[in-house]
Amino acid sequence: MSKAASAKDRVDDALSRLESMVEERLQSEQARSEDLARRLGKLEKQHDELRKVATEVESRLERAMEYIRSLLAADQK
């Protein structure tokens, strides 16, 4: 085997290993991306649920404050 053929084989082997490493990294990053997307979706859902609860609590507090104000006003009369 000539030196040129041997060098070509080494370059081909190195390129093949590099392609395998790149493909493995792409698969790993895609899996990570999918996991992050799932987690983001879950967090967005939780955020929406918490926003609804906060709105309900705020509304209930406002009603309670109005009731207390009305009791205080009636007590002062």
C-alpha atoms as a PDB file:
ATOM      1  CA  MET A   1       0.000   0.000   0.000  1.00  0.00           C
ATOM      2  CA  SER A   2       1.377   3.375  -0.974  1.00  0.00           C
ATOM      3  CA  LYS A   3       1.900   6.198   1.468  1.00  0.00           C
ATOM      4  CA  ALA A   4      -0.841   8.191  -0.262  1.00  0.00           C
ATOM      5  CA  ALA A   5      -3.329   5.333   0.072  1.00  0.00           C
ATOM      6  CA  SER A   6      -2.356   4.855   3.718  1.00  0.00           C
ATOM      7  CA  ALA A   7      -2.778   8.580   4.399  1.00  0.00           C
ATOM      8  CA  LYS A   8      -6.150   8.550   2.608  1.00  0.00           C
ATOM      9  CA  ASP A   9      -7.277   5.599   4.743  1.00  0.00           C
ATOM     10  CA  ARG A  10      -6.241   7.408   7.934  1.00  0.00           C
ATOM     11  CA  VAL A  11      -8.067  10.562   6.841  1.00  0.00           C
ATOM     12  CA  ASP A  12     -11.166   8.529   5.924  1.00  0.00           C
ATOM     13  CA  ASP A  13     -11.021   6.791   9.308  1.00  0.00           C
ATOM     14  CA  ALA A  14     -10.637  10.101  11.145  1.00  0.00           C
ATOM     15  CA  LEU A  15     -13.534  11.613   9.195  1.00  0.00           C
ATOM     16  CA  SER A  16     -15.676   8.584   9.932  1.00  0.00           C
ATOM     17  CA  ARG A  17     -14.947   8.862  13.667  1.00  0.00           C
ATOM     18  CA  LEU A  18     -15.630  12.606  13.563  1.00  0.00           C
ATOM     19  CA  GLU A  19     -18.950  12.043  11.788  1.00  0.00           C
ATOM     20  CA  SER A  20     -19.905   9.471  14.417  1.00  0.00           C
ATOM     21  CA  MET A  21     -19.026  11.883  17.216  1.00  0.00           C
ATOM     22  CA  VAL A  22     -21.012  14.681  15.593  1.00  0.00           C
ATOM     23  CA  GLU A  23     -24.019  12.409  15.064  1.00  0.00           C
ATOM     24  CA  GLU A  24     -23.855  11.219  18.671  1.00  0.00           C
ATOM     25  CA  ARG A  25     -23.669  14.823  19.881  1.00  0.00           C
ATOM     26  CA  LEU A  26     -26.616  15.822  17.688  1.00  0.00           C
ATOM     27  CA  GLN A  27     -28.718  12.982  19.078  1.00  0.00           C
ATOM     28  CA  SER A  28     -27.751  13.927  22.615  1.00  0.00           C
ATOM     29  CA  GLU A  29     -28.601  17.587  22.042  1.00  0.00           C
ATOM     30  CA  GLN A  30     -31.898  16.689  20.386  1.00  0.00           C
ATOM     31  CA  ALA A  31     -32.875  14.532  23.371  1.00  0.00           C
ATOM     32  CA  ARG A  32     -31.898  17.365  25.707  1.00  0.00           C
ATOM     33  CA  SER A  33     -33.894  19.826  23.633  1.00  0.00           C
ATOM     34  CA  GLU A  34     -36.958  17.586  23.735  1.00  0.00           C
ATOM     35  CA  ASP A  35     -36.601  17.193  27.505  1.00  0.00           C
ATOM     36  CA  LEU A  36     -36.330  20.962  27.958  1.00  0.00           C
ATOM     37  CA  ALA A  37     -39.398  21.487  25.761  1.00  0.00           C
ATOM     38  CA  ARG A  38     -41.386  19.031  27.905  1.00  0.00           C
ATOM     39  CA  ARG A  39     -40.226  20.744  31.089  1.00  0.00           C
ATOM     40  CA  LEU A  40     -41.069  24.163  29.676  1.00  0.00           C
ATOM     41  CA  GLY A  41     -44.561  22.987  28.750  1.00  0.00           C
ATOM     42  CA  LYS A  42     -45.078  21.642  32.247  1.00  0.00           C
ATOM     43  CA  LEU A  43     -43.833  24.879  33.814  1.00  0.00           C
ATOM     44  CA  GLU A  44     -46.075  26.982  31.567  1.00  0.00           C
ATOM     45  CA  LYS A  45     -49.070  24.888  32.598  1.00  0.00           C
ATOM     46  CA  GLN A  46     -48.173  25.269  36.277  1.00  0.00           C
ATOM     47  CA  HIS A  47     -47.735  29.010  35.778  1.00  0.00           C
ATOM     48  CA  ASP A  48     -51.201  29.298  34.265  1.00  0.00           C
ATOM     49  CA  GLU A  49     -52.689  27.298  37.139  1.00  0.00           C
ATOM     50  CA  LEU A  50     -50.915  29.485  39.699  1.00  0.00           C
ATOM     51  CA  ARG A  51     -52.102  32.635  37.921  1.00  0.00           C
ATOM     52  CA  LYS A  52     -55.696  31.396  38.151  1.00  0.00           C
ATOM     53  CA  VAL A  53     -55.290  30.619  41.850  1.00  0.00           C
ATOM     54  CA  ALA A  54     -53.714  34.039  42.491  1.00  0.00           C
ATOM     55  CA  THR A  55     -56.585  35.759  40.690  1.00  0.00           C
ATOM     56  CA  GLU A  56     -59.123  33.821  42.734  1.00  0.00           C
ATOM     57  CA  VAL A  57     -57.312  34.599  46.002  1.00  0.00           C
ATOM     58  CA  GLU A  58     -57.104  38.267  45.098  1.00  0.00           C
ATOM     59  CA  SER A  59     -60.811  38.360  44.365  1.00  0.00           C
ATOM     60  CA  ARG A  60     -61.670  36.631  47.635  1.00  0.00           C
ATOM     61  CA  LEU A  61     -59.425  39.012  49.578  1.00  0.00           C
ATOM     62  CA  GLU A  62     -61.087  42.024  47.972  1.00  0.00           C
ATOM     63  CA  ARG A  63     -64.521  40.682  48.933  1.00  0.00           C
ATOM     64  CA  ALA A  64     -63.339  40.014  52.497  1.00  0.00           C
ATOM     65  CA  MET A  65     -61.931  43.532  52.767  1.00  0.00           C
ATOM     66  CA  GLU A  66     -65.202  45.005  51.523  1.00  0.00           C
ATOM     67  CA  TYR A  67     -67.096  42.953  54.078  1.00  0.00           C
ATOM     68  CA  ILE A  68     -64.772  44.133  56.872  1.00  0.00           C
ATOM     69  CA  ARG A  69     -65.164  47.740  55.725  1.00  0.00           C
ATOM     70  CA  SER A  70     -68.945  47.383  55.741  1.00  0.00           C
ATOM     71  CA  LEU A  71     -68.820  45.915  59.271  1.00  0.00           C
ATOM     72  CA  LEU A  72     -66.608  48.744  60.473  1.00  0.00           C
ATOM     73  CA  ALA A  73     -68.862  51.352  58.871  1.00  0.00           C
ATOM     74  CA  ALA A  74     -71.948  49.783  60.465  1.00  0.00           C
ATOM     75  CA  ASP A  75     -70.166  49.633  63.830  1.00  0.00           C
ATOM     76  CA  GLN A  76     -69.343  53.349  63.657  1.00  0.00           C
ATOM     77  CA  LYS A  77     -72.974  54.340  63.091  1.00  0.00           C
END
